[in-house]
């Protein structure tokens, strides 16, 4: 049986863009449509590796998108439709947000079905 919630298995090094936010009481339908469109657009950017997202009942959420290099992150940041969505987010959908960019040098995944811890790559010296 194939699962749709399996963890991403990525080969370091890569970059993680960490977007945390608290939703305001905006138009939920428009927000969901825009969020789906952003995933679609991001997936078309060369260097996009995937994304993971979660939100709690109080509206605090986090989305982590993964990118091969900083050029890919920059291309996503400069996408014109993404910039419009950013403005809409500030105006309508978020009480606050934070954005962090980090380089991932090690990546381990545990999946109970795999019965073990799987390094995505050989460790580099710390």
PDB file of N, CA and C in Angstrom:
ATOM      1  N   UNK A   1       0.842  -1.190   0.000  1.00  0.00           N
ATOM      2  CA  UNK A   1       0.000   0.000   0.000  1.00  0.00           C
ATOM      3  C   UNK A   1       0.880   1.244   0.000  1.00  0.00           C
ATOM      4  N   UNK A   2       0.652   2.142  -0.926  1.00  0.00           N
ATOM      5  CA  UNK A   2       1.445   3.359  -1.020  1.00  0.00           C
ATOM      6  C   UNK A   2       0.888   4.429  -0.094  1.00  0.00           C
ATOM      7  N   UNK A   3       1.784   5.101   0.621  1.00  0.00           N
ATOM      8  CA  UNK A   3       1.384   6.161   1.551  1.00  0.00           C
ATOM      9  C   UNK A   3       1.611   7.518   0.899  1.00  0.00           C
ATOM     10  N   UNK A   4       0.781   8.481   1.257  1.00  0.00           N
ATOM     11  CA  UNK A   4       0.965   9.829   0.727  1.00  0.00           C
ATOM     12  C   UNK A   4       1.623  10.752   1.746  1.00  0.00           C
ATOM     13  N   UNK A   5       2.030  10.201   2.907  1.00  0.00           N
ATOM     14  CA  UNK A   5       2.636  11.029   3.940  1.00  0.00           C
ATOM     15  C   UNK A   5       4.064  10.599   4.257  1.00  0.00           C
ATOM     16  N   UNK A   6       4.695   9.894   3.343  1.00  0.00           N
ATOM     17  CA  UNK A   6       6.060   9.459   3.603  1.00  0.00           C
ATOM     18  C   UNK A   6       6.995  10.661   3.627  1.00  0.00           C
ATOM     19  N   UNK A   7       8.020  10.609   4.477  1.00  0.00           N
ATOM     20  CA  UNK A   7       8.935  11.743   4.561  1.00  0.00           C
ATOM     21  C   UNK A   7       9.757  11.881   3.284  1.00  0.00           C
ATOM     22  N   UNK A   8      10.076  13.118   2.962  1.00  0.00           N
ATOM     23  CA  UNK A   8      10.937  13.368   1.810  1.00  0.00           C
ATOM     24  C   UNK A   8      12.321  12.802   2.099  1.00  0.00           C
ATOM     25  N   UNK A   9      12.937  12.260   1.095  1.00  0.00           N
ATOM     26  CA  UNK A   9      14.307  11.746   1.215  1.00  0.00           C
ATOM     27  C   UNK A   9      15.151  12.511   0.204  1.00  0.00           C
ATOM     28  N   UNK A  10      15.916  13.445   0.725  1.00  0.00           N
ATOM     29  CA  UNK A  10      16.681  14.345  -0.126  1.00  0.00           C
ATOM     30  C   UNK A  10      18.173  14.138   0.091  1.00  0.00           C
ATOM     31  N   UNK A  11      18.942  14.413  -0.932  1.00  0.00           N
ATOM     32  CA  UNK A  11      20.392  14.245  -0.892  1.00  0.00           C
ATOM     33  C   UNK A  11      21.055  15.579  -0.553  1.00  0.00           C
ATOM     34  N   UNK A  12      21.647  15.722   0.644  1.00  0.00           N
ATOM     35  CA  UNK A  12      22.349  16.964   0.992  1.00  0.00           C
ATOM     36  C   UNK A  12      23.585  17.151   0.113  1.00  0.00           C
ATOM     37  N   UNK A  13      24.078  18.366   0.005  1.00  0.00           N
ATOM     38  CA  UNK A  13      23.514  19.559   0.639  1.00  0.00           C
ATOM     39  C   UNK A  13      22.369  20.129  -0.194  1.00  0.00           C
ATOM     40  N   UNK A  14      21.470  20.798   0.485  1.00  0.00           N
ATOM     41  CA  UNK A  14      20.379  21.525  -0.143  1.00  0.00           C
ATOM     42  C   UNK A  14      19.948  22.620   0.821  1.00  0.00           C
ATOM     43  N   UNK A  15      18.997  23.438   0.411  1.00  0.00           N
ATOM     44  CA  UNK A  15      18.541  24.557   1.239  1.00  0.00           C
ATOM     45  C   UNK A  15      17.087  24.357   1.641  1.00  0.00           C
ATOM     46  N   UNK A  16      16.795  24.772   2.872  1.00  0.00           N
ATOM     47  CA  UNK A  16      15.434  24.736   3.397  1.00  0.00           C
ATOM     48  C   UNK A  16      14.971  26.169   3.618  1.00  0.00           C
ATOM     49  N   UNK A  17      13.830  26.512   3.061  1.00  0.00           N
ATOM     50  CA  UNK A  17      13.195  27.802   3.315  1.00  0.00           C
ATOM     51  C   UNK A  17      12.055  27.513   4.283  1.00  0.00           C
ATOM     52  N   UNK A  18      12.167  28.078   5.483  1.00  0.00           N
ATOM     53  CA  UNK A  18      11.249  27.775   6.580  1.00  0.00           C
ATOM     54  C   UNK A  18      10.326  28.971   6.778  1.00  0.00           C
ATOM     55  N   UNK A  19       9.059  28.783   6.475  1.00  0.00           N
ATOM     56  CA  UNK A  19       8.059  29.841   6.564  1.00  0.00           C
ATOM     57  C   UNK A  19       7.089  29.478   7.680  1.00  0.00           C
ATOM     58  N   UNK A  20       7.127  30.240   8.768  1.00  0.00           N
ATOM     59  CA  UNK A  20       6.199  30.043   9.886  1.00  0.00           C
ATOM     60  C   UNK A  20       5.236  31.217   9.905  1.00  0.00           C
ATOM     61  N   UNK A  21       3.983  30.968  10.290  1.00  0.00           N
ATOM     62  CA  UNK A  21       2.995  32.047  10.247  1.00  0.00           C
ATOM     63  C   UNK A  21       1.823  31.759  11.174  1.00  0.00           C
ATOM     64  N   UNK A  22       1.077  32.824  11.445  1.00  0.00           N
ATOM     65  CA  UNK A  22      -0.232  32.679  12.093  1.00  0.00           C
ATOM     66  C   UNK A  22      -1.249  33.288  11.143  1.00  0.00           C
ATOM     67  N   UNK A  23      -2.258  32.492  10.792  1.00  0.00           N
ATOM     68  CA  UNK A  23      -3.316  32.946   9.898  1.00  0.00           C
ATOM     69  C   UNK A  23      -4.244  33.917  10.606  1.00  0.00           C
ATOM     70  N   UNK A  24      -4.704  34.898   9.869  1.00  0.00           N
ATOM     71  CA  UNK A  24      -5.769  35.777  10.350  1.00  0.00           C
ATOM     72  C   UNK A  24      -7.090  35.233   9.813  1.00  0.00           C
ATOM     73  N   UNK A  25      -8.167  35.889  10.147  1.00  0.00           N
ATOM     74  CA  UNK A  25      -9.484  35.442   9.688  1.00  0.00           C
ATOM     75  C   UNK A  25      -9.769  36.019   8.305  1.00  0.00           C
ATOM     76  N   UNK A  26      -9.054  35.532   7.314  1.00  0.00           N
ATOM     77  CA  UNK A  26      -9.260  35.986   5.948  1.00  0.00           C
ATOM     78  C   UNK A  26     -10.103  34.995   5.181  1.00  0.00           C
ATOM     79  N   UNK A  27     -10.274  35.236   3.910  1.00  0.00           N
ATOM     80  CA  UNK A  27     -11.057  34.380   3.024  1.00  0.00           C
ATOM     81  C   UNK A  27     -10.351  33.036   2.852  1.00  0.00           C
ATOM     82  N   UNK A  28     -10.838  32.003   3.513  1.00  0.00           N
ATOM     83  CA  UNK A  28     -10.200  30.684   3.510  1.00  0.00           C
ATOM     84  C   UNK A  28     -10.135  30.080   2.110  1.00  0.00           C
ATOM     85  N   UNK A  29     -11.202  30.216   1.334  1.00  0.00           N
ATOM     86  CA  UNK A  29     -11.204  29.641  -0.014  1.00  0.00           C
ATOM     87  C   UNK A  29     -10.127  30.271  -0.890  1.00  0.00           C
ATOM     88  N   UNK A  30     -10.045  31.596  -0.862  1.00  0.00           N
ATOM     89  CA  UNK A  30      -9.026  32.288  -1.659  1.00  0.00           C
ATOM     90  C   UNK A  30      -7.626  31.912  -1.186  1.00  0.00           C
ATOM     91  N   UNK A  31      -7.455  31.794   0.124  1.00  0.00           N
ATOM     92  CA  UNK A  31      -6.158  31.404   0.670  1.00  0.00           C
ATOM     93  C   UNK A  31      -5.766  30.011   0.168  1.00  0.00           C
ATOM     94  N   UNK A  32      -6.672  29.060   0.256  1.00  0.00           N
ATOM     95  CA  UNK A  32      -6.371  27.689  -0.161  1.00  0.00           C
ATOM     96  C   UNK A  32      -6.075  27.608  -1.659  1.00  0.00           C
ATOM     97  N   UNK A  33      -6.826  28.354  -2.458  1.00  0.00           N
ATOM     98  CA  UNK A  33      -6.560  28.377  -3.903  1.00  0.00           C
ATOM     99  C   UNK A  33      -5.173  28.943  -4.185  1.00  0.00           C
ATOM    100  N   UNK A  34      -4.840  30.037  -3.491  1.00  0.00           N
ATOM    101  CA  UNK A  34      -3.540  30.666  -3.694  1.00  0.00           C
ATOM    102  C   UNK A  34      -2.418  29.752  -3.220  1.00  0.00           C
ATOM    103  N   UNK A  35      -2.593  29.112  -2.073  1.00  0.00           N
ATOM    104  CA  UNK A  35      -1.573  28.192  -1.557  1.00  0.00           C
ATOM    105  C   UNK A  35      -1.334  27.041  -2.534  1.00  0.00           C
ATOM    106  N   UNK A  36      -2.399  26.486  -3.082  1.00  0.00           N
ATOM    107  CA  UNK A  36      -2.259  25.397  -4.050  1.00  0.00           C
ATOM    108  C   UNK A  36      -1.533  25.883  -5.302  1.00  0.00           C
ATOM    109  N   UNK A  37      -1.846  27.087  -5.732  1.00  0.00           N
ATOM    110  CA  UNK A  37      -1.180  27.651  -6.906  1.00  0.00           C
ATOM    111  C   UNK A  37       0.309  27.873  -6.639  1.00  0.00           C
ATOM    112  N   UNK A  38       0.656  28.301  -5.423  1.00  0.00           N
ATOM    113  CA  UNK A  38       2.059  28.533  -5.090  1.00  0.00           C
ATOM    114  C   UNK A  38       2.848  27.225  -5.123  1.00  0.00           C
ATOM    115  N   UNK A  39       2.255  26.147  -4.651  1.00  0.00           N
ATOM    116  CA  UNK A  39       2.925  24.842  -4.708  1.00  0.00           C
ATOM    117  C   UNK A  39       3.151  24.448  -6.167  1.00  0.00           C
ATOM    118  N   UNK A  40       2.143  24.668  -6.984  1.00  0.00           N
ATOM    119  CA  UNK A  40       2.235  24.364  -8.416  1.00  0.00           C
ATOM    120  C   UNK A  40       3.348  25.181  -9.074  1.00  0.00           C
ATOM    121  N   UNK A  41       3.395  26.482  -8.772  1.00  0.00           N
ATOM    122  CA  UNK A  41       4.429  27.350  -9.341  1.00  0.00           C
ATOM    123  C   UNK A  41       5.816  26.966  -8.852  1.00  0.00           C
ATOM    124  N   UNK A  42       5.943  26.733  -7.552  1.00  0.00           N
ATOM    125  CA  UNK A  42       7.248  26.379  -6.985  1.00  0.00           C
ATOM    126  C   UNK A  42       7.782  25.105  -7.630  1.00  0.00           C
ATOM    127  N   UNK A  43       6.900  24.141  -7.840  1.00  0.00           N
ATOM    128  CA  UNK A  43       7.315  22.866  -8.427  1.00  0.00           C
ATOM    129  C   UNK A  43       7.877  23.037  -9.836  1.00  0.00           C
ATOM    130  N   UNK A  44       7.515  24.117 -10.505  1.00  0.00           N
ATOM    131  CA  UNK A  44       7.997  24.372 -11.858  1.00  0.00           C
ATOM    132  C   UNK A  44       9.347  25.090 -11.880  1.00  0.00           C
ATOM    133  N   UNK A  45       9.812  25.561 -10.729  1.00  0.00           N
ATOM    134  CA  UNK A  45      11.097  26.264 -10.660  1.00  0.00           C
ATOM    135  C   UNK A  45      12.223  25.228 -10.659  1.00  0.00           C
ATOM    136  N   UNK A  46      13.178  25.340 -11.586  1.00  0.00           N
ATOM    137  CA  UNK A  46      14.305  24.406 -11.561  1.00  0.00           C
ATOM    138  C   UNK A  46      15.023  24.475 -10.205  1.00  0.00           C
ATOM    139  N   UNK A  47      15.249  23.318  -9.609  1.00  0.00           N
ATOM    140  CA  UNK A  47      15.910  23.267  -8.313  1.00  0.00           C
ATOM    141  C   UNK A  47      14.968  23.064  -7.147  1.00  0.00           C
ATOM    142  N   UNK A  48      13.648  23.088  -7.387  1.00  0.00           N
ATOM    143  CA  UNK A  48      12.687  22.800  -6.323  1.00  0.00           C
ATOM    144  C   UNK A  48      12.721  21.304  -6.035  1.00  0.00           C
ATOM    145  N   UNK A  49      12.825  20.943  -4.743  1.00  0.00           N
ATOM    146  CA  UNK A  49      12.936  19.537  -4.353  1.00  0.00           C
ATOM    147  C   UNK A  49      11.700  18.991  -3.659  1.00  0.00           C
ATOM    148  N   UNK A  50      10.850  19.883  -3.126  1.00  0.00           N
ATOM    149  CA  UNK A  50       9.658  19.431  -2.424  1.00  0.00           C
ATOM    150  C   UNK A  50       9.311  20.369  -1.291  1.00  0.00           C
ATOM    151  N   UNK A  51       8.230  20.045  -0.585  1.00  0.00           N
ATOM    152  CA  UNK A  51       7.780  20.881   0.530  1.00  0.00           C
ATOM    153  C   UNK A  51       6.986  20.028   1.506  1.00  0.00           C
ATOM    154  N   UNK A  52       6.973  20.488   2.757  1.00  0.00           N
ATOM    155  CA  UNK A  52       6.179  19.868   3.819  1.00  0.00           C
ATOM    156  C   UNK A  52       5.496  20.988   4.574  1.00  0.00           C
ATOM    157  N   UNK A  53       4.267  20.756   5.034  1.00  0.00           N
ATOM    158  CA  UNK A  53       3.502  21.824   5.663  1.00  0.00           C
ATOM    159  C   UNK A  53       2.581  21.271   6.738  1.00  0.00           C
ATOM    160  N   UNK A  54       2.354  22.085   7.780  1.00  0.00           N
ATOM    161  CA  UNK A  54       1.413  21.721   8.846  1.00  0.00           C
ATOM    162  C   UNK A  54       0.870  22.998   9.468  1.00  0.00           C
ATOM    163  N   UNK A  55      -0.358  22.926   9.999  1.00  0.00           N
ATOM    164  CA  UNK A  55      -0.970  24.070  10.678  1.00  0.00           C
ATOM    165  C   UNK A  55      -1.807  23.540  11.832  1.00  0.00           C
ATOM    166  N   UNK A  56      -1.745  24.226  12.994  1.00  0.00           N
ATOM    167  CA  UNK A  56      -2.526  23.774  14.148  1.00  0.00           C
ATOM    168  C   UNK A  56      -3.886  24.465  14.197  1.00  0.00           C
ATOM    169  N   UNK A  57      -4.696  24.098  15.163  1.00  0.00           N
ATOM    170  CA  UNK A  57      -6.062  24.615  15.276  1.00  0.00           C
ATOM    171  C   UNK A  57      -6.103  26.112  15.561  1.00  0.00           C
ATOM    172  N   UNK A  58      -5.041  26.659  16.115  1.00  0.00           N
ATOM    173  CA  UNK A  58      -4.988  28.095  16.409  1.00  0.00           C
ATOM    174  C   UNK A  58      -4.497  28.914  15.217  1.00  0.00           C
ATOM    175  N   UNK A  59      -4.195  28.251  14.118  1.00  0.00           N
ATOM    176  CA  UNK A  59      -3.784  28.961  12.914  1.00  0.00           C
ATOM    177  C   UNK A  59      -2.291  29.149  12.766  1.00  0.00           C
ATOM    178  N   UNK A  60      -1.489  28.591  13.680  1.00  0.00           N
ATOM    179  CA  UNK A  60      -0.036  28.691  13.556  1.00  0.00           C
ATOM    180  C   UNK A  60       0.433  27.544  12.666  1.00  0.00           C
ATOM    181  N   UNK A  61       1.200  27.891  11.655  1.00  0.00           N
ATOM    182  CA  UNK A  61       1.642  26.872  10.716  1.00  0.00           C
ATOM    183  C   UNK A  61       3.086  27.038  10.323  1.00  0.00           C
ATOM    184  N   UNK A  62       3.593  26.015   9.679  1.00  0.00           N
ATOM    185  CA  UNK A  62       4.951  26.047   9.158  1.00  0.00           C
ATOM    186  C   UNK A  62       4.969  25.308   7.831  1.00  0.00           C
ATOM    187  N   UNK A  63       5.636  25.900   6.873  1.00  0.00           N
ATOM    188  CA  UNK A  63       5.883  25.253   5.594  1.00  0.00           C
ATOM    189  C   UNK A  63       7.379  25.305   5.357  1.00  0.00           C
ATOM    190  N   UNK A  64       7.949  24.166   5.042  1.00  0.00           N
ATOM    191  CA  UNK A  64       9.366  24.096   4.716  1.00  0.00           C
ATOM    192  C   UNK A  64       9.460  23.649   3.264  1.00  0.00           C
ATOM    193  N   UNK A  65      10.054  24.503   2.448  1.00  0.00           N
ATOM    194  CA  UNK A  65      10.296  24.119   1.060  1.00  0.00           C
ATOM    195  C   UNK A  65      11.788  23.860   0.902  1.00  0.00           C
ATOM    196  N   UNK A  66      12.112  22.939   0.005  1.00  0.00           N
ATOM    197  CA  UNK A  66      13.492  22.484  -0.159  1.00  0.00           C
ATOM    198  C   UNK A  66      13.972  22.798  -1.570  1.00  0.00           C
ATOM    199  N   UNK A  67      15.220  23.272  -1.640  1.00  0.00           N
ATOM    200  CA  UNK A  67      15.777  23.778  -2.889  1.00  0.00           C
ATOM    201  C   UNK A  67      17.206  23.286  -3.070  1.00  0.00           C
ATOM    202  N   UNK A  68      17.578  23.005  -4.293  1.00  0.00           N
ATOM    203  CA  UNK A  68      18.913  22.496  -4.603  1.00  0.00           C
ATOM    204  C   UNK A  68      20.000  23.519  -4.265  1.00  0.00           C
ATOM    205  N   UNK A  69      19.763  24.807  -4.534  1.00  0.00           N
ATOM    206  CA  UNK A  69      20.794  25.818  -4.297  1.00  0.00           C
ATOM    207  C   UNK A  69      20.144  27.183  -4.083  1.00  0.00           C
ATOM    208  N   UNK A  70      20.975  28.166  -3.737  1.00  0.00           N
ATOM    209  CA  UNK A  70      20.450  29.508  -3.467  1.00  0.00           C
ATOM    210  C   UNK A  70      19.921  30.193  -4.720  1.00  0.00           C
ATOM    211  N   UNK A  71      20.439  29.830  -5.892  1.00  0.00           N
ATOM    212  CA  UNK A  71      19.894  30.395  -7.132  1.00  0.00           C
ATOM    213  C   UNK A  71      18.430  29.995  -7.311  1.00  0.00           C
ATOM    214  N   UNK A  72      18.095  28.766  -6.959  1.00  0.00           N
ATOM    215  CA  UNK A  72      16.702  28.313  -7.050  1.00  0.00           C
ATOM    216  C   UNK A  72      15.830  29.063  -6.050  1.00  0.00           C
ATOM    217  N   UNK A  73      16.342  29.269  -4.833  1.00  0.00           N
ATOM    218  CA  UNK A  73      15.603  30.037  -3.821  1.00  0.00           C
ATOM    219  C   UNK A  73      15.343  31.449  -4.335  1.00  0.00           C
ATOM    220  N   UNK A  74      16.364  32.057  -4.918  1.00  0.00           N
ATOM    221  CA  UNK A  74      16.237  33.423  -5.442  1.00  0.00           C
ATOM    222  C   UNK A  74      15.222  33.478  -6.587  1.00  0.00           C
ATOM    223  N   UNK A  75      15.256  32.491  -7.466  1.00  0.00           N
ATOM    224  CA  UNK A  75      14.296  32.458  -8.582  1.00  0.00           C
ATOM    225  C   UNK A  75      12.869  32.386  -8.051  1.00  0.00           C
ATOM    226  N   UNK A  76      12.646  31.598  -7.009  1.00  0.00           N
ATOM    227  CA  UNK A  76      11.313  31.498  -6.413  1.00  0.00           C
ATOM    228  C   UNK A  76      10.914  32.820  -5.776  1.00  0.00           C
ATOM    229  N   UNK A  77      11.829  33.436  -5.057  1.00  0.00           N
ATOM    230  CA  UNK A  77      11.537  34.717  -4.403  1.00  0.00           C
ATOM    231  C   UNK A  77      11.120  35.769  -5.430  1.00  0.00           C
ATOM    232  N   UNK A  78      11.727  35.728  -6.606  1.00  0.00           N
ATOM    233  CA  UNK A  78      11.483  36.757  -7.615  1.00  0.00           C
ATOM    234  C   UNK A  78      10.328  36.438  -8.562  1.00  0.00           C
ATOM    235  N   UNK A  79       9.721  35.286  -8.433  1.00  0.00           N
ATOM    236  CA  UNK A  79       8.587  34.935  -9.291  1.00  0.00           C
ATOM    237  C   UNK A  79       7.473  35.968  -9.112  1.00  0.00           C
ATOM    238  N   UNK A  80       6.987  36.532 -10.210  1.00  0.00           N
ATOM    239  CA  UNK A  80       6.024  37.640 -10.129  1.00  0.00           C
ATOM    240  C   UNK A  80       4.702  37.223  -9.474  1.00  0.00           C
ATOM    241  N   UNK A  81       4.202  36.050  -9.780  1.00  0.00           N
ATOM    242  CA  UNK A  81       2.943  35.601  -9.169  1.00  0.00           C
ATOM    243  C   UNK A  81       3.136  35.326  -7.672  1.00  0.00           C
ATOM    244  N   UNK A  82       4.304  34.815  -7.313  1.00  0.00           N
ATOM    245  CA  UNK A  82       4.629  34.590  -5.900  1.00  0.00           C
ATOM    246  C   UNK A  82       4.687  35.922  -5.151  1.00  0.00           C
ATOM    247  N   UNK A  83       5.247  36.944  -5.776  1.00  0.00           N
ATOM    248  CA  UNK A  83       5.331  38.266  -5.127  1.00  0.00           C
ATOM    249  C   UNK A  83       3.932  38.847  -4.887  1.00  0.00           C
ATOM    250  N   UNK A  84       3.027  38.649  -5.810  1.00  0.00           N
ATOM    251  CA  UNK A  84       1.642  39.101  -5.621  1.00  0.00           C
ATOM    252  C   UNK A  84       1.016  38.360  -4.443  1.00  0.00           C
ATOM    253  N   UNK A  85       1.240  37.047  -4.371  1.00  0.00           N
ATOM    254  CA  UNK A  85       0.702  36.256  -3.257  1.00  0.00           C
ATOM    255  C   UNK A  85       1.294  36.706  -1.922  1.00  0.00           C
ATOM    256  N   UNK A  86       2.570  37.072  -1.913  1.00  0.00           N
ATOM    257  CA  UNK A  86       3.192  37.575  -0.686  1.00  0.00           C
ATOM    258  C   UNK A  86       2.480  38.835  -0.209  1.00  0.00           C
ATOM    259  N   UNK A  87       2.202  39.736  -1.132  1.00  0.00           N
ATOM    260  CA  UNK A  87       1.496  40.970  -0.763  1.00  0.00           C
ATOM    261  C   UNK A  87       0.095  40.672  -0.237  1.00  0.00           C
ATOM    262  N   UNK A  88      -0.608  39.761  -0.890  1.00  0.00           N
ATOM    263  CA  UNK A  88      -1.938  39.373  -0.408  1.00  0.00           C
ATOM    264  C   UNK A  88      -1.853  38.766   0.990  1.00  0.00           C
ATOM    265  N   UNK A  89      -0.828  37.969   1.227  1.00  0.00           N
ATOM    266  CA  UNK A  89      -0.641  37.376   2.547  1.00  0.00           C
ATOM    267  C   UNK A  89      -0.490  38.432   3.627  1.00  0.00           C
ATOM    268  N   UNK A  90       0.324  39.447   3.356  1.00  0.00           N
ATOM    269  CA  UNK A  90       0.514  40.530   4.335  1.00  0.00           C
ATOM    270  C   UNK A  90      -0.773  41.327   4.534  1.00  0.00           C
ATOM    271  N   UNK A  91      -1.509  41.544   3.464  1.00  0.00           N
ATOM    272  CA  UNK A  91      -2.729  42.354   3.543  1.00  0.00           C
ATOM    273  C   UNK A  91      -3.915  41.598   4.142  1.00  0.00           C
ATOM    274  N   UNK A  92      -4.051  40.287   3.844  1.00  0.00           N
ATOM    275  CA  UNK A  92      -5.298  39.582   4.148  1.00  0.00           C
ATOM    276  C   UNK A  92      -5.181  38.348   5.039  1.00  0.00           C
ATOM    277  N   UNK A  93      -4.086  37.594   4.939  1.00  0.00           N
ATOM    278  CA  UNK A  93      -4.117  36.238   5.466  1.00  0.00           C
ATOM    279  C   UNK A  93      -3.249  35.959   6.682  1.00  0.00           C
ATOM    280  N   UNK A  94      -2.287  36.834   6.988  1.00  0.00           N
ATOM    281  CA  UNK A  94      -1.371  36.533   8.091  1.00  0.00           C
ATOM    282  C   UNK A  94      -1.384  37.614   9.151  1.00  0.00           C
ATOM    283  N   UNK A  95      -1.430  37.186  10.421  1.00  0.00           N
ATOM    284  CA  UNK A  95      -1.202  38.106  11.534  1.00  0.00           C
ATOM    285  C   UNK A  95       0.286  38.402  11.630  1.00  0.00           C
ATOM    286  N   UNK A  96       1.081  37.390  11.412  1.00  0.00           N
ATOM    287  CA  UNK A  96       2.536  37.526  11.387  1.00  0.00           C
ATOM    288  C   UNK A  96       3.124  36.359  10.600  1.00  0.00           C
ATOM    289  N   UNK A  97       4.375  36.525  10.191  1.00  0.00           N
ATOM    290  CA  UNK A  97       5.116  35.402   9.617  1.00  0.00           C
ATOM    291  C   UNK A  97       6.600  35.629   9.817  1.00  0.00           C
ATOM    292  N   UNK A  98       7.349  34.566   9.739  1.00  0.00           N
ATOM    293  CA  UNK A  98       8.811  34.642   9.745  1.00  0.00           C
ATOM    294  C   UNK A  98       9.325  33.739   8.635  1.00  0.00           C
ATOM    295  N   UNK A  99      10.479  34.088   8.133  1.00  0.00           N
ATOM    296  CA  UNK A  99      11.085  33.330   7.046  1.00  0.00           C
ATOM    297  C   UNK A  99      12.557  33.129   7.372  1.00  0.00           C
ATOM    298  N   UNK A 100      13.003  31.902   7.273  1.00  0.00           N
ATOM    299  CA  UNK A 100      14.405  31.574   7.516  1.00  0.00           C
ATOM    300  C   UNK A 100      14.895  30.681   6.383  1.00  0.00           C
ATOM    301  N   UNK A 101      16.155  30.852   6.034  1.00  0.00           N
ATOM    302  CA  UNK A 101      16.770  30.021   5.005  1.00  0.00           C
ATOM    303  C   UNK A 101      17.980  29.344   5.636  1.00  0.00           C
ATOM    304  N   UNK A 102      18.057  28.027   5.497  1.00  0.00           N
ATOM    305  CA  UNK A 102      19.140  27.268   6.110  1.00  0.00           C
ATOM    306  C   UNK A 102      19.716  26.270   5.108  1.00  0.00           C
ATOM    307  N   UNK A 103      21.012  26.062   5.203  1.00  0.00           N
ATOM    308  CA  UNK A 103      21.657  25.023   4.399  1.00  0.00           C
ATOM    309  C   UNK A 103      21.616  23.719   5.187  1.00  0.00           C
ATOM    310  N   UNK A 104      21.119  22.677   4.556  1.00  0.00           N
ATOM    311  CA  UNK A 104      21.042  21.357   5.183  1.00  0.00           C
ATOM    312  C   UNK A 104      22.256  20.550   4.725  1.00  0.00           C
ATOM    313  N   UNK A 105      23.056  20.154   5.696  1.00  0.00           N
ATOM    314  CA  UNK A 105      24.255  19.385   5.379  1.00  0.00           C
ATOM    315  C   UNK A 105      24.117  17.911   5.719  1.00  0.00           C
ATOM    316  N   UNK A 106      23.184  17.587   6.594  1.00  0.00           N
ATOM    317  CA  UNK A 106      22.898  16.197   6.943  1.00  0.00           C
ATOM    318  C   UNK A 106      21.391  16.005   6.940  1.00  0.00           C
ATOM    319  N   UNK A 107      20.978  14.796   6.616  1.00  0.00           N
ATOM    320  CA  UNK A 107      19.555  14.500   6.511  1.00  0.00           C
ATOM    321  C   UNK A 107      19.359  13.035   6.878  1.00  0.00           C
ATOM    322  N   UNK A 108      18.583  12.787   7.919  1.00  0.00           N
ATOM    323  CA  UNK A 108      18.264  11.426   8.330  1.00  0.00           C
ATOM    324  C   UNK A 108      16.755  11.276   8.335  1.00  0.00           C
ATOM    325  N   UNK A 109      16.279  10.117   7.952  1.00  0.00           N
ATOM    326  CA  UNK A 109      14.847   9.843   7.931  1.00  0.00           C
ATOM    327  C   UNK A 109      14.593   8.543   8.686  1.00  0.00           C
ATOM    328  N   UNK A 110      13.657   8.574   9.627  1.00  0.00           N
ATOM    329  CA  UNK A 110      13.166   7.343  10.249  1.00  0.00           C
ATOM    330  C   UNK A 110      11.751   7.124   9.759  1.00  0.00           C
ATOM    331  N   UNK A 111      11.491   5.941   9.291  1.00  0.00           N
ATOM    332  CA  UNK A 111      10.152   5.560   8.862  1.00  0.00           C
ATOM    333  C   UNK A 111       9.883   4.175   9.442  1.00  0.00           C
ATOM    334  N   UNK A 112       8.885   4.068  10.294  1.00  0.00           N
ATOM    335  CA  UNK A 112       8.583   2.809  10.973  1.00  0.00           C
ATOM    336  C   UNK A 112       8.439   1.662   9.987  1.00  0.00           C
ATOM    337  N   UNK A 113       7.854   1.932   8.842  1.00  0.00           N
ATOM    338  CA  UNK A 113       7.675   0.875   7.844  1.00  0.00           C
ATOM    339  C   UNK A 113       9.004   0.390   7.276  1.00  0.00           C
ATOM    340  N   UNK A 114      10.020   1.273   7.278  1.00  0.00           N
ATOM    341  CA  UNK A 114      11.351   0.883   6.797  1.00  0.00           C
ATOM    342  C   UNK A 114      12.164   0.194   7.886  1.00  0.00           C
ATOM    343  N   UNK A 115      11.691   0.279   9.132  1.00  0.00           N
ATOM    344  CA  UNK A 115      12.362  -0.340  10.270  1.00  0.00           C
ATOM    345  C   UNK A 115      13.783   0.170  10.469  1.00  0.00           C
ATOM    346  N   UNK A 116      13.977   1.455  10.305  1.00  0.00           N
ATOM    347  CA  UNK A 116      15.319   1.941  10.584  1.00  0.00           C
ATOM    348  C   UNK A 116      15.524   3.393  10.245  1.00  0.00           C
ATOM    349  N   UNK A 117      16.685   3.867  10.644  1.00  0.00           N
ATOM    350  CA  UNK A 117      17.112   5.230  10.375  1.00  0.00           C
ATOM    351  C   UNK A 117      17.938   5.208   9.108  1.00  0.00           C
ATOM    352  N   UNK A 118      17.559   6.020   8.153  1.00  0.00           N
ATOM    353  CA  UNK A 118      18.230   6.031   6.870  1.00  0.00           C
ATOM    354  C   UNK A 118      18.913   7.366   6.652  1.00  0.00           C
ATOM    355  N   UNK A 119      20.249   7.388   6.567  1.00  0.00           N
ATOM    356  CA  UNK A 119      20.882   8.647   6.203  1.00  0.00           C
ATOM    357  C   UNK A 119      20.647   8.896   4.722  1.00  0.00           C
ATOM    358  N   UNK A 120      20.309  10.119   4.393  1.00  0.00           N
ATOM    359  CA  UNK A 120      20.103  10.454   2.989  1.00  0.00           C
ATOM    360  C   UNK A 120      21.439  10.541   2.269  1.00  0.00           C
ATOM    361  N   UNK A 121      22.497  10.763   3.024  1.00  0.00           N
ATOM    362  CA  UNK A 121      23.826  10.859   2.430  1.00  0.00           C
ATOM    363  C   UNK A 121      24.856  10.481   3.481  1.00  0.00           C
ATOM    364  N   UNK A 122      26.047  10.217   3.037  1.00  0.00           N
ATOM    365  CA  UNK A 122      27.141   9.943   3.961  1.00  0.00           C
ATOM    366  C   UNK A 122      27.441  11.213   4.739  1.00  0.00           C
ATOM    367  N   UNK A 123      27.621  11.064   6.047  1.00  0.00           N
ATOM    368  CA  UNK A 123      27.926  12.223   6.884  1.00  0.00           C
ATOM    369  C   UNK A 123      29.197  12.905   6.424  1.00  0.00           C
ATOM    370  N   UNK A 124      29.145  14.221   6.423  1.00  0.00           N
ATOM    371  CA  UNK A 124      30.365  14.988   6.238  1.00  0.00           C
ATOM    372  C   UNK A 124      30.894  15.314   7.622  1.00  0.00           C
ATOM    373  N   UNK A 125      32.174  15.567   7.765  1.00  0.00           N
ATOM    374  CA  UNK A 125      32.710  15.876   9.092  1.00  0.00           C
ATOM    375  C   UNK A 125      32.021  17.086   9.693  1.00  0.00           C
ATOM    376  N   UNK A 126      31.740  17.014  10.974  1.00  0.00           N
ATOM    377  CA  UNK A 126      31.065  18.119  11.670  1.00  0.00           C
ATOM    378  C   UNK A 126      32.044  19.213  12.010  1.00  0.00           C
TER     379      UNK A 126
END
